[in-house]
């Protein structure tokens, strides 16, 4: 599995699956979540509403993941995961943040994705700095890679919106 970091727009990635830093309602929001919903169009909203009316009536739990189609995105799939809010967990939520990454890869592998693009989950409004989140995220990706060598995922790309996040995730990637 190749792991890379780039600066860019996650909605423009030509990968099999993009990971959405979703809110538990799955119905869009701000930041990455809002951008993915806007770019994917109404099909994504319809699928998220269907998930909310069936398997996740109370919303998607933090650290879990679920897939929908990519709608109008270049990606075939969107894997939605809810990151932890830093201030809501005694340990800061590192275990849940790692779970977001591992569960997203499990779900992506389950739909047959070979390439997956991640944003900086929980960074920004959820209180994580990129320097705190990057080692947790990259550690979870490495653990998944080592524990699931036959997952079919050959590329994980972290798509970061700013220089600070890119530098933090690139440093964590180099440390693997």
N, C-alpha and C. Protein backbone atom coordinates (compact mmCIF):
# COMPACT_ATOMS: atom_id res chain seq x y z
N UNK A 1 0.85 -1.18 0.00
CA UNK A 1 0.00 0.00 0.00
C UNK A 1 0.89 1.24 0.00
N UNK A 2 0.70 2.09 -0.99
CA UNK A 2 1.43 3.35 -1.05
C UNK A 2 0.63 4.40 -0.28
N UNK A 3 1.31 5.19 0.52
CA UNK A 3 0.68 6.27 1.29
C UNK A 3 1.34 7.56 0.86
N UNK A 4 0.51 8.53 0.47
CA UNK A 4 1.06 9.80 0.01
C UNK A 4 0.27 10.97 0.58
N UNK A 5 0.90 12.13 0.56
CA UNK A 5 0.26 13.36 1.02
C UNK A 5 0.34 14.38 -0.10
N UNK A 6 -0.77 15.10 -0.32
CA UNK A 6 -0.81 16.14 -1.34
C UNK A 6 -1.62 17.31 -0.80
N UNK A 7 -1.38 18.46 -1.34
CA UNK A 7 -2.22 19.62 -1.05
C UNK A 7 -3.23 19.73 -2.17
N UNK A 8 -4.50 19.90 -1.82
CA UNK A 8 -5.50 20.00 -2.88
C UNK A 8 -6.92 19.96 -2.38
N UNK A 9 -7.80 19.68 -3.31
CA UNK A 9 -9.24 19.65 -3.09
C UNK A 9 -9.70 18.19 -3.13
N UNK A 10 -10.19 17.69 -2.02
CA UNK A 10 -10.58 16.28 -1.97
C UNK A 10 -11.72 15.95 -2.93
N UNK A 11 -12.55 16.93 -3.25
CA UNK A 11 -13.68 16.66 -4.15
C UNK A 11 -13.23 16.44 -5.59
N UNK A 12 -12.00 16.82 -5.92
CA UNK A 12 -11.49 16.67 -7.28
C UNK A 12 -10.62 15.43 -7.46
N UNK A 13 -10.48 14.62 -6.43
CA UNK A 13 -9.58 13.47 -6.49
C UNK A 13 -10.14 12.36 -7.37
N UNK A 14 -9.29 11.83 -8.21
CA UNK A 14 -9.65 10.70 -9.07
C UNK A 14 -9.16 9.41 -8.39
N UNK A 15 -9.94 9.00 -7.42
CA UNK A 15 -9.67 7.78 -6.65
C UNK A 15 -10.97 6.99 -6.61
N UNK A 16 -10.89 5.77 -6.14
CA UNK A 16 -12.11 4.96 -6.03
C UNK A 16 -13.03 5.46 -4.93
N UNK A 17 -12.45 5.92 -3.82
CA UNK A 17 -13.27 6.38 -2.69
C UNK A 17 -12.63 7.61 -2.05
N UNK A 18 -13.48 8.57 -1.70
CA UNK A 18 -13.04 9.69 -0.88
C UNK A 18 -13.70 9.52 0.48
N UNK A 19 -12.97 9.88 1.52
CA UNK A 19 -13.49 9.81 2.87
C UNK A 19 -14.04 11.19 3.23
N UNK A 20 -15.25 11.18 3.75
CA UNK A 20 -15.91 12.41 4.17
C UNK A 20 -15.81 12.54 5.68
N UNK A 21 -15.26 13.65 6.14
CA UNK A 21 -15.25 13.97 7.57
C UNK A 21 -16.66 14.49 7.90
N UNK A 22 -17.56 13.55 8.09
CA UNK A 22 -18.99 13.83 8.21
C UNK A 22 -19.39 14.24 9.61
N UNK A 23 -20.59 14.79 9.72
CA UNK A 23 -21.19 14.92 11.04
C UNK A 23 -22.13 13.73 11.20
N UNK A 24 -22.56 13.46 12.40
CA UNK A 24 -23.31 12.23 12.66
C UNK A 24 -24.64 12.17 11.93
N UNK A 25 -25.18 13.29 11.52
CA UNK A 25 -26.46 13.29 10.81
C UNK A 25 -26.32 12.76 9.38
N UNK A 26 -25.12 12.77 8.84
CA UNK A 26 -24.83 12.39 7.45
C UNK A 26 -25.49 13.30 6.43
N UNK A 27 -26.01 14.45 6.86
CA UNK A 27 -26.79 15.29 5.96
C UNK A 27 -26.06 16.56 5.53
N UNK A 28 -24.74 16.52 5.57
CA UNK A 28 -23.96 17.67 5.13
C UNK A 28 -23.69 18.61 6.29
N UNK A 29 -22.84 19.55 6.05
CA UNK A 29 -22.46 20.51 7.07
C UNK A 29 -21.45 21.47 6.51
N UNK A 30 -20.50 21.87 7.31
CA UNK A 30 -19.47 22.79 6.86
C UNK A 30 -18.21 22.06 6.45
N UNK A 31 -17.19 22.79 6.11
CA UNK A 31 -15.87 22.24 5.80
C UNK A 31 -15.90 21.17 4.72
N UNK A 32 -15.13 20.12 4.93
CA UNK A 32 -15.02 19.01 3.98
C UNK A 32 -16.39 18.39 3.73
N UNK A 33 -17.16 18.20 4.78
CA UNK A 33 -18.48 17.59 4.68
C UNK A 33 -19.37 18.37 3.71
N UNK A 34 -19.45 19.66 3.90
CA UNK A 34 -20.27 20.49 3.02
C UNK A 34 -19.76 20.49 1.59
N UNK A 35 -18.44 20.56 1.43
CA UNK A 35 -17.85 20.57 0.09
C UNK A 35 -18.15 19.27 -0.65
N UNK A 36 -18.04 18.14 0.03
CA UNK A 36 -18.32 16.86 -0.61
C UNK A 36 -19.80 16.76 -0.98
N UNK A 37 -20.67 17.16 -0.08
CA UNK A 37 -22.10 17.11 -0.38
C UNK A 37 -22.45 18.02 -1.57
N UNK A 38 -21.89 19.21 -1.61
CA UNK A 38 -22.18 20.12 -2.73
C UNK A 38 -21.67 19.54 -4.05
N UNK A 39 -20.45 19.02 -4.04
CA UNK A 39 -19.85 18.50 -5.27
C UNK A 39 -20.51 17.21 -5.74
N UNK A 40 -20.95 16.38 -4.82
CA UNK A 40 -21.54 15.09 -5.18
C UNK A 40 -22.97 15.22 -5.67
N UNK A 41 -23.67 16.27 -5.25
CA UNK A 41 -25.02 16.51 -5.73
C UNK A 41 -26.10 15.74 -4.98
N UNK A 42 -27.32 15.78 -5.52
CA UNK A 42 -28.48 15.27 -4.80
C UNK A 42 -28.49 13.75 -4.57
N UNK A 43 -27.80 12.99 -5.38
CA UNK A 43 -27.76 11.54 -5.18
C UNK A 43 -27.16 11.21 -3.81
N UNK A 44 -26.11 11.92 -3.45
CA UNK A 44 -25.46 11.69 -2.15
C UNK A 44 -26.42 12.00 -1.01
N UNK A 45 -27.12 13.12 -1.12
CA UNK A 45 -28.09 13.48 -0.08
C UNK A 45 -29.18 12.42 0.05
N UNK A 46 -29.67 11.93 -1.07
CA UNK A 46 -30.71 10.89 -1.05
C UNK A 46 -30.22 9.62 -0.38
N UNK A 47 -29.01 9.20 -0.71
CA UNK A 47 -28.47 7.98 -0.11
C UNK A 47 -28.23 8.16 1.39
N UNK A 48 -27.75 9.33 1.78
CA UNK A 48 -27.53 9.59 3.21
C UNK A 48 -28.85 9.59 3.97
N UNK A 49 -29.88 10.17 3.38
CA UNK A 49 -31.21 10.15 4.02
C UNK A 49 -31.73 8.72 4.16
N UNK A 50 -31.49 7.90 3.16
CA UNK A 50 -31.92 6.50 3.23
C UNK A 50 -31.19 5.77 4.35
N UNK A 51 -29.90 6.01 4.48
CA UNK A 51 -29.12 5.39 5.58
C UNK A 51 -29.68 5.83 6.92
N UNK A 52 -29.99 7.13 7.05
CA UNK A 52 -30.55 7.65 8.30
C UNK A 52 -31.92 7.06 8.61
N UNK A 53 -32.68 6.72 7.59
CA UNK A 53 -34.03 6.18 7.84
C UNK A 53 -34.03 4.67 8.04
N UNK A 54 -32.87 4.03 7.83
CA UNK A 54 -32.81 2.56 7.99
C UNK A 54 -31.78 2.17 9.04
N UNK A 55 -30.54 2.04 8.66
CA UNK A 55 -29.53 1.45 9.55
C UNK A 55 -28.97 2.39 10.61
N UNK A 56 -29.07 3.70 10.43
CA UNK A 56 -28.49 4.64 11.40
C UNK A 56 -29.49 5.73 11.76
N UNK A 57 -30.60 5.31 12.32
CA UNK A 57 -31.67 6.25 12.68
C UNK A 57 -31.21 7.32 13.66
N UNK A 58 -30.27 6.99 14.54
CA UNK A 58 -29.76 7.95 15.52
C UNK A 58 -28.49 8.65 15.05
N UNK A 59 -28.12 8.45 13.82
CA UNK A 59 -26.90 9.05 13.28
C UNK A 59 -25.74 8.07 13.31
N UNK A 60 -24.70 8.41 12.60
CA UNK A 60 -23.51 7.58 12.53
C UNK A 60 -22.66 7.84 13.77
N UNK A 61 -22.33 6.78 14.53
CA UNK A 61 -21.51 6.98 15.73
C UNK A 61 -20.08 7.43 15.40
N UNK A 62 -19.49 8.19 16.29
CA UNK A 62 -18.10 8.61 16.15
C UNK A 62 -17.20 7.39 16.04
N UNK A 63 -16.28 7.45 15.07
CA UNK A 63 -15.34 6.36 14.87
C UNK A 63 -15.81 5.29 13.92
N UNK A 64 -17.06 5.33 13.50
CA UNK A 64 -17.61 4.35 12.56
C UNK A 64 -17.59 4.92 11.14
N UNK A 65 -17.91 4.08 10.17
CA UNK A 65 -17.91 4.51 8.77
C UNK A 65 -18.99 3.77 7.99
N UNK A 66 -19.47 4.43 6.94
CA UNK A 66 -20.48 3.87 6.05
C UNK A 66 -20.24 4.43 4.66
N UNK A 67 -20.58 3.66 3.63
CA UNK A 67 -20.34 4.09 2.24
C UNK A 67 -21.62 4.44 1.51
N UNK A 68 -21.49 5.40 0.61
CA UNK A 68 -22.52 5.73 -0.36
C UNK A 68 -21.84 5.82 -1.72
N UNK A 69 -22.62 5.99 -2.76
CA UNK A 69 -22.01 6.24 -4.06
C UNK A 69 -21.40 7.64 -4.04
N UNK A 70 -20.61 7.93 -5.04
CA UNK A 70 -19.95 9.23 -5.13
C UNK A 70 -20.78 10.29 -5.81
N UNK A 71 -21.95 9.95 -6.32
CA UNK A 71 -22.77 10.94 -7.00
C UNK A 71 -22.00 11.57 -8.15
N UNK A 72 -21.92 12.88 -8.19
CA UNK A 72 -21.25 13.61 -9.27
C UNK A 72 -19.75 13.75 -9.09
N UNK A 73 -19.18 13.16 -8.05
CA UNK A 73 -17.73 13.20 -7.85
C UNK A 73 -17.02 12.29 -8.85
N UNK A 74 -15.73 12.52 -9.04
CA UNK A 74 -14.93 11.60 -9.86
C UNK A 74 -14.80 10.26 -9.15
N UNK A 75 -14.83 10.26 -7.83
CA UNK A 75 -14.74 9.01 -7.04
C UNK A 75 -16.04 8.23 -7.16
N UNK A 76 -15.91 6.93 -7.17
CA UNK A 76 -17.09 6.05 -7.23
C UNK A 76 -17.83 6.03 -5.92
N UNK A 77 -17.09 6.10 -4.82
CA UNK A 77 -17.66 5.96 -3.48
C UNK A 77 -17.31 7.13 -2.59
N UNK A 78 -18.17 7.40 -1.62
CA UNK A 78 -17.85 8.28 -0.51
C UNK A 78 -17.99 7.43 0.75
N UNK A 79 -16.94 7.42 1.54
CA UNK A 79 -16.97 6.73 2.83
C UNK A 79 -17.09 7.82 3.89
N UNK A 80 -18.20 7.80 4.61
CA UNK A 80 -18.48 8.81 5.63
C UNK A 80 -18.01 8.31 6.98
N UNK A 81 -17.30 9.14 7.72
CA UNK A 81 -16.88 8.80 9.07
C UNK A 81 -16.99 10.04 9.94
N UNK A 82 -17.31 9.84 11.20
CA UNK A 82 -17.47 10.94 12.14
C UNK A 82 -16.28 10.97 13.08
N UNK A 83 -15.51 12.03 13.00
CA UNK A 83 -14.35 12.16 13.86
C UNK A 83 -14.71 12.67 15.25
N UNK A 84 -13.82 12.43 16.20
CA UNK A 84 -14.07 12.88 17.58
C UNK A 84 -13.80 14.38 17.73
N UNK A 85 -14.59 14.99 18.56
CA UNK A 85 -14.33 16.37 18.97
C UNK A 85 -13.31 16.29 20.12
N UNK A 86 -12.22 16.98 19.99
CA UNK A 86 -11.08 16.88 20.91
C UNK A 86 -11.50 17.07 22.37
N UNK A 87 -12.36 18.01 22.63
CA UNK A 87 -12.73 18.39 23.98
C UNK A 87 -13.75 17.46 24.63
N UNK A 88 -14.33 16.53 23.89
CA UNK A 88 -15.36 15.66 24.44
C UNK A 88 -14.83 14.35 25.03
N UNK A 89 -13.53 14.11 24.93
CA UNK A 89 -12.97 12.83 25.35
C UNK A 89 -11.79 13.03 26.28
N UNK A 90 -11.75 12.29 27.41
CA UNK A 90 -10.66 12.45 28.37
C UNK A 90 -9.27 12.26 27.74
N UNK A 91 -9.16 11.31 26.81
CA UNK A 91 -7.87 11.08 26.15
C UNK A 91 -7.74 11.91 24.88
N UNK A 92 -8.70 12.80 24.64
CA UNK A 92 -8.69 13.61 23.44
C UNK A 92 -9.33 12.92 22.26
N UNK A 93 -9.64 11.64 22.41
CA UNK A 93 -10.31 10.92 21.33
C UNK A 93 -9.38 10.21 20.36
N UNK A 94 -8.13 10.00 20.74
CA UNK A 94 -7.17 9.37 19.82
C UNK A 94 -7.63 7.99 19.35
N UNK A 95 -8.21 7.21 20.25
CA UNK A 95 -8.69 5.87 19.87
C UNK A 95 -9.80 5.98 18.83
N UNK A 96 -10.70 6.94 19.03
CA UNK A 96 -11.78 7.14 18.06
C UNK A 96 -11.26 7.68 16.74
N UNK A 97 -10.28 8.56 16.78
CA UNK A 97 -9.71 9.09 15.55
C UNK A 97 -9.03 7.96 14.76
N UNK A 98 -8.31 7.11 15.45
CA UNK A 98 -7.70 5.96 14.78
C UNK A 98 -8.78 5.06 14.17
N UNK A 99 -9.87 4.86 14.91
CA UNK A 99 -10.97 4.04 14.42
C UNK A 99 -11.58 4.62 13.14
N UNK A 100 -11.69 5.94 13.07
CA UNK A 100 -12.21 6.57 11.84
C UNK A 100 -11.42 6.12 10.62
N UNK A 101 -10.12 6.10 10.75
CA UNK A 101 -9.26 5.73 9.62
C UNK A 101 -9.33 4.24 9.32
N UNK A 102 -9.25 3.43 10.37
CA UNK A 102 -9.29 1.98 10.16
C UNK A 102 -10.65 1.54 9.60
N UNK A 103 -11.73 2.02 10.20
CA UNK A 103 -13.08 1.65 9.73
C UNK A 103 -13.33 2.16 8.32
N UNK A 104 -12.82 3.34 7.98
CA UNK A 104 -12.98 3.86 6.62
C UNK A 104 -12.30 2.95 5.62
N UNK A 105 -11.11 2.47 5.96
CA UNK A 105 -10.42 1.55 5.05
C UNK A 105 -11.14 0.21 4.95
N UNK A 106 -11.67 -0.28 6.06
CA UNK A 106 -12.45 -1.53 6.03
C UNK A 106 -13.66 -1.39 5.11
N UNK A 107 -14.38 -0.28 5.25
CA UNK A 107 -15.56 -0.05 4.43
C UNK A 107 -15.16 0.12 2.97
N UNK A 108 -14.09 0.88 2.71
CA UNK A 108 -13.62 1.07 1.33
C UNK A 108 -13.22 -0.26 0.70
N UNK A 109 -12.50 -1.08 1.44
CA UNK A 109 -12.13 -2.40 0.92
C UNK A 109 -13.37 -3.24 0.66
N UNK A 110 -14.36 -3.10 1.52
CA UNK A 110 -15.60 -3.87 1.37
C UNK A 110 -16.37 -3.55 0.10
N UNK A 111 -16.25 -2.31 -0.41
CA UNK A 111 -16.92 -1.96 -1.66
C UNK A 111 -16.00 -2.14 -2.87
N UNK A 112 -14.78 -2.60 -2.63
CA UNK A 112 -13.86 -2.88 -3.72
C UNK A 112 -12.95 -1.73 -4.13
N UNK A 113 -12.82 -0.73 -3.29
CA UNK A 113 -11.96 0.41 -3.61
C UNK A 113 -10.49 0.01 -3.50
N UNK A 114 -9.70 0.42 -4.48
CA UNK A 114 -8.25 0.20 -4.44
C UNK A 114 -7.51 1.47 -4.05
N UNK A 115 -8.13 2.62 -4.28
CA UNK A 115 -7.50 3.90 -3.94
C UNK A 115 -8.47 4.73 -3.11
N UNK A 116 -7.93 5.33 -2.03
CA UNK A 116 -8.76 6.05 -1.06
C UNK A 116 -8.09 7.38 -0.72
N UNK A 117 -8.87 8.45 -0.74
CA UNK A 117 -8.37 9.78 -0.36
C UNK A 117 -9.01 10.20 0.96
N UNK A 118 -8.18 10.63 1.89
CA UNK A 118 -8.62 11.09 3.21
C UNK A 118 -8.37 12.59 3.37
N UNK A 119 -9.26 13.29 4.07
CA UNK A 119 -8.95 14.65 4.52
C UNK A 119 -8.28 14.56 5.90
N UNK A 120 -8.02 15.68 6.51
CA UNK A 120 -7.48 15.72 7.88
C UNK A 120 -8.68 15.65 8.83
N UNK A 121 -9.13 14.44 9.12
CA UNK A 121 -10.32 14.22 9.95
C UNK A 121 -10.11 14.82 11.34
N UNK A 122 -11.12 15.53 11.81
CA UNK A 122 -11.19 16.16 13.13
C UNK A 122 -10.31 17.39 13.30
N UNK A 123 -9.56 17.76 12.27
CA UNK A 123 -8.75 18.97 12.37
C UNK A 123 -9.65 20.18 12.13
N UNK A 124 -9.28 21.28 12.73
CA UNK A 124 -10.08 22.49 12.56
C UNK A 124 -11.17 22.58 13.60
N UNK A 125 -12.42 22.61 13.15
CA UNK A 125 -13.56 22.85 14.05
C UNK A 125 -13.70 21.79 15.15
N UNK A 126 -13.19 20.58 14.92
CA UNK A 126 -13.31 19.54 15.93
C UNK A 126 -12.14 19.57 16.92
N UNK A 127 -11.25 20.57 16.80
CA UNK A 127 -10.27 20.84 17.83
C UNK A 127 -8.92 20.17 17.74
N UNK A 128 -8.70 19.33 16.77
CA UNK A 128 -7.40 18.68 16.62
C UNK A 128 -6.50 19.55 15.77
N UNK A 129 -5.25 19.68 16.16
CA UNK A 129 -4.27 20.33 15.29
C UNK A 129 -3.73 19.24 14.35
N UNK A 130 -3.29 19.62 13.17
CA UNK A 130 -2.71 18.63 12.27
C UNK A 130 -1.52 17.88 12.88
N UNK A 131 -0.72 18.56 13.70
CA UNK A 131 0.43 17.88 14.29
C UNK A 131 0.01 16.82 15.32
N UNK A 132 -1.16 16.99 15.94
CA UNK A 132 -1.70 15.97 16.85
C UNK A 132 -2.37 14.84 16.08
N UNK A 133 -3.13 15.19 15.05
CA UNK A 133 -3.93 14.21 14.33
C UNK A 133 -3.11 13.34 13.38
N UNK A 134 -2.11 13.91 12.75
CA UNK A 134 -1.36 13.17 11.72
C UNK A 134 -0.73 11.86 12.21
N UNK A 135 -0.03 11.84 13.35
CA UNK A 135 0.55 10.57 13.79
C UNK A 135 -0.52 9.51 14.11
N UNK A 136 -1.65 9.95 14.64
CA UNK A 136 -2.74 9.01 14.93
C UNK A 136 -3.29 8.45 13.63
N UNK A 137 -3.55 9.32 12.67
CA UNK A 137 -4.10 8.90 11.38
C UNK A 137 -3.14 7.96 10.65
N UNK A 138 -1.88 8.36 10.55
CA UNK A 138 -0.91 7.54 9.83
C UNK A 138 -0.63 6.23 10.55
N UNK A 139 -0.64 6.26 11.87
CA UNK A 139 -0.47 5.01 12.63
C UNK A 139 -1.61 4.04 12.37
N UNK A 140 -2.83 4.55 12.28
CA UNK A 140 -3.99 3.68 12.00
C UNK A 140 -3.92 3.11 10.59
N UNK A 141 -3.47 3.93 9.64
CA UNK A 141 -3.34 3.45 8.25
C UNK A 141 -2.27 2.36 8.19
N UNK A 142 -1.14 2.58 8.85
CA UNK A 142 -0.06 1.58 8.84
C UNK A 142 -0.51 0.29 9.52
N UNK A 143 -1.24 0.40 10.62
CA UNK A 143 -1.74 -0.80 11.31
C UNK A 143 -2.71 -1.56 10.43
N UNK A 144 -3.58 -0.84 9.71
CA UNK A 144 -4.50 -1.51 8.78
C UNK A 144 -3.72 -2.21 7.68
N UNK A 145 -2.76 -1.50 7.10
CA UNK A 145 -1.93 -2.08 6.03
C UNK A 145 -1.25 -3.36 6.49
N UNK A 146 -0.68 -3.32 7.67
CA UNK A 146 0.06 -4.47 8.17
C UNK A 146 -0.87 -5.62 8.57
N UNK A 147 -2.06 -5.28 9.03
CA UNK A 147 -3.01 -6.30 9.47
C UNK A 147 -3.92 -6.84 8.39
N UNK A 148 -3.98 -6.15 7.25
CA UNK A 148 -4.86 -6.56 6.15
C UNK A 148 -4.12 -6.50 4.82
N UNK A 149 -3.08 -7.30 4.66
CA UNK A 149 -2.26 -7.20 3.44
C UNK A 149 -3.03 -7.55 2.16
N UNK A 150 -4.15 -8.24 2.28
CA UNK A 150 -4.94 -8.62 1.10
C UNK A 150 -6.21 -7.78 0.95
N UNK A 151 -6.22 -6.57 1.48
CA UNK A 151 -7.42 -5.74 1.45
C UNK A 151 -7.78 -5.27 0.05
N UNK A 152 -6.81 -5.23 -0.85
CA UNK A 152 -7.04 -4.72 -2.19
C UNK A 152 -6.77 -3.22 -2.31
N UNK A 153 -6.53 -2.56 -1.18
CA UNK A 153 -6.23 -1.12 -1.22
C UNK A 153 -4.75 -0.95 -1.51
N UNK A 154 -4.46 -0.26 -2.60
CA UNK A 154 -3.08 -0.07 -3.02
C UNK A 154 -2.57 1.35 -2.82
N UNK A 155 -3.51 2.30 -2.65
CA UNK A 155 -3.12 3.70 -2.47
C UNK A 155 -4.00 4.37 -1.43
N UNK A 156 -3.35 5.04 -0.48
CA UNK A 156 -4.04 5.93 0.46
C UNK A 156 -3.39 7.30 0.27
N UNK A 157 -4.23 8.27 -0.04
CA UNK A 157 -3.75 9.63 -0.28
C UNK A 157 -4.41 10.56 0.74
N UNK A 158 -3.60 11.30 1.48
CA UNK A 158 -4.12 12.34 2.35
C UNK A 158 -4.13 13.64 1.55
N UNK A 159 -5.30 14.22 1.40
CA UNK A 159 -5.48 15.45 0.63
C UNK A 159 -5.72 16.57 1.62
N UNK A 160 -4.73 17.46 1.74
CA UNK A 160 -4.75 18.50 2.76
C UNK A 160 -4.98 19.86 2.14
N UNK A 161 -5.75 20.68 2.83
CA UNK A 161 -6.16 21.97 2.29
C UNK A 161 -5.16 23.09 2.52
N UNK A 162 -4.23 22.92 3.47
CA UNK A 162 -3.30 24.02 3.74
C UNK A 162 -1.90 23.48 4.02
N UNK A 163 -0.94 24.39 4.02
CA UNK A 163 0.47 24.03 4.17
C UNK A 163 0.76 23.38 5.52
N UNK A 164 0.17 23.91 6.60
CA UNK A 164 0.40 23.36 7.94
C UNK A 164 0.00 21.88 7.99
N UNK A 165 -1.17 21.58 7.48
CA UNK A 165 -1.64 20.18 7.49
C UNK A 165 -0.77 19.31 6.59
N UNK A 166 -0.42 19.82 5.43
CA UNK A 166 0.43 19.06 4.51
C UNK A 166 1.77 18.72 5.18
N UNK A 167 2.39 19.69 5.82
CA UNK A 167 3.68 19.45 6.47
C UNK A 167 3.55 18.43 7.61
N UNK A 168 2.48 18.54 8.40
CA UNK A 168 2.29 17.62 9.53
C UNK A 168 2.06 16.19 9.05
N UNK A 169 1.21 16.04 8.04
CA UNK A 169 0.92 14.69 7.54
C UNK A 169 2.09 14.12 6.75
N UNK A 170 2.82 14.95 6.03
CA UNK A 170 4.02 14.47 5.33
C UNK A 170 5.07 14.00 6.33
N UNK A 171 5.25 14.72 7.43
CA UNK A 171 6.22 14.32 8.46
C UNK A 171 5.81 13.00 9.10
N UNK A 172 4.53 12.85 9.39
CA UNK A 172 4.06 11.59 9.99
C UNK A 172 4.20 10.44 9.00
N UNK A 173 3.98 10.71 7.75
CA UNK A 173 4.12 9.68 6.70
C UNK A 173 5.58 9.26 6.59
N UNK A 174 6.48 10.21 6.63
CA UNK A 174 7.92 9.90 6.57
C UNK A 174 8.40 9.09 7.74
N UNK A 175 7.72 9.25 8.87
CA UNK A 175 8.13 8.54 10.10
C UNK A 175 7.72 7.07 10.09
N UNK A 176 6.88 6.68 9.13
CA UNK A 176 6.43 5.26 9.09
C UNK A 176 7.54 4.32 8.72
